[in-house]
Amino acid sequence: MITGHAPTRDYLHKIGKIETKACRLCMEPNETIRHIITECPGIMMERHKVFEGESFSNHISALRTSIIKSTKIYNQFMTRATE
């Protein structure tokens, strides 16, 4: 995310790796980092846990953990899909 690149469908579509940029969680038309972090109804409960009732450093840590977990799951899926 710091470099502006994350394995979102929007980015993967831009570099020609996938055909659609629709969100894999809610099927909104464009899965961007902003959509995932602030808008996606598919992770509303996770977002609430991360951003409610905790200190800011806990928010960042939890968000990083969620992104890493999601990235690992997505990479496993992509590996299987392209075999």
Protein backbone atom coordinates (compact mmCIF):
# COMPACT_ATOMS: atom_id res chain seq x y z
CA MET A 1 0.00 0.00 0.00
CA ILE A 2 2.85 2.40 0.70
CA THR A 3 4.00 2.14 -2.93
CA GLY A 4 0.46 2.54 -4.22
CA HIS A 5 0.31 -1.09 -5.28
CA ALA A 6 -1.62 -3.82 -3.52
CA PRO A 7 -3.17 -6.97 -4.98
CA THR A 8 -6.57 -5.37 -5.29
CA ARG A 9 -8.62 -6.34 -8.30
CA ASP A 10 -8.36 -2.77 -9.58
CA TYR A 11 -4.56 -3.01 -9.67
CA LEU A 12 -4.47 -6.58 -11.01
CA HIS A 13 -6.87 -5.54 -13.78
CA LYS A 14 -4.67 -2.54 -14.68
CA ILE A 15 -1.61 -4.79 -15.11
CA GLY A 16 -3.56 -7.36 -17.13
CA LYS A 17 -3.57 -10.22 -14.62
CA ILE A 18 -7.36 -10.53 -14.28
CA GLU A 19 -10.39 -9.64 -16.38
CA THR A 20 -12.58 -7.89 -13.82
CA LYS A 21 -11.92 -5.21 -11.24
CA ALA A 22 -15.15 -5.88 -9.31
CA CYS A 23 -14.75 -6.40 -5.57
CA ARG A 24 -14.45 -10.09 -4.69
CA LEU A 25 -16.33 -9.51 -1.41
CA CYS A 26 -19.33 -7.43 -2.44
CA MET A 27 -19.16 -7.27 -6.26
CA GLU A 28 -19.11 -3.45 -6.35
CA PRO A 29 -17.60 -2.38 -9.68
CA ASN A 30 -14.15 -1.34 -8.47
CA GLU A 31 -12.07 -3.04 -5.73
CA THR A 32 -9.58 -0.38 -4.66
CA ILE A 33 -7.66 0.05 -1.44
CA ARG A 34 -10.02 2.88 -0.50
CA HIS A 35 -13.07 0.71 -1.20
CA ILE A 36 -11.74 -2.13 0.97
CA ILE A 37 -10.72 0.08 3.88
CA THR A 38 -13.63 2.53 3.94
CA GLU A 39 -16.62 1.30 1.93
CA CYS A 40 -16.89 -2.47 1.34
CA PRO A 41 -19.96 -3.95 3.06
CA GLY A 42 -18.30 -7.36 2.78
CA ILE A 43 -15.87 -6.49 5.57
CA MET A 44 -17.98 -4.04 7.54
CA MET A 45 -17.72 -6.07 10.76
CA GLU A 46 -13.93 -6.41 10.46
CA ARG A 47 -13.61 -2.68 9.78
CA HIS A 48 -15.72 -1.95 12.86
CA LYS A 49 -13.48 -4.16 15.03
CA VAL A 50 -10.37 -2.44 13.70
CA PHE A 51 -11.53 1.16 14.01
CA GLU A 52 -13.75 1.17 17.10
CA GLY A 53 -12.66 1.20 20.74
CA GLU A 54 -8.93 0.65 20.26
CA SER A 55 -5.87 2.88 20.18
CA PHE A 56 -4.59 4.05 16.80
CA SER A 57 -1.53 1.75 16.93
CA ASN A 58 -3.85 -1.19 17.56
CA HIS A 59 -5.92 -0.12 14.54
CA ILE A 60 -2.89 -0.10 12.27
CA SER A 61 -1.65 -3.44 13.58
CA ALA A 62 -5.06 -5.08 13.14
CA LEU A 63 -5.47 -3.58 9.68
CA ARG A 64 -2.02 -4.82 8.63
CA THR A 65 -2.85 -8.31 9.92
CA SER A 66 -6.15 -8.33 8.02
CA ILE A 67 -4.47 -7.20 4.80
CA ILE A 68 -1.72 -9.81 5.13
CA LYS A 69 -4.28 -12.54 5.80
CA SER A 70 -6.42 -11.44 2.84
CA THR A 71 -3.37 -11.24 0.59
CA LYS A 72 -2.27 -14.76 1.54
CA ILE A 73 -5.74 -16.17 0.86
CA TYR A 74 -5.95 -14.30 -2.43
CA ASN A 75 -2.48 -15.46 -3.52
CA GLN A 76 -3.38 -19.08 -2.71
CA PHE A 77 -6.53 -18.72 -4.78
CA MET A 78 -4.64 -17.17 -7.71
CA THR A 79 -1.99 -19.90 -7.60
CA ARG A 80 -4.64 -22.60 -7.80
CA ALA A 81 -6.59 -20.75 -10.49
CA THR A 82 -3.59 -20.43 -12.78
CA GLU A 83 -2.29 -24.01 -12.42
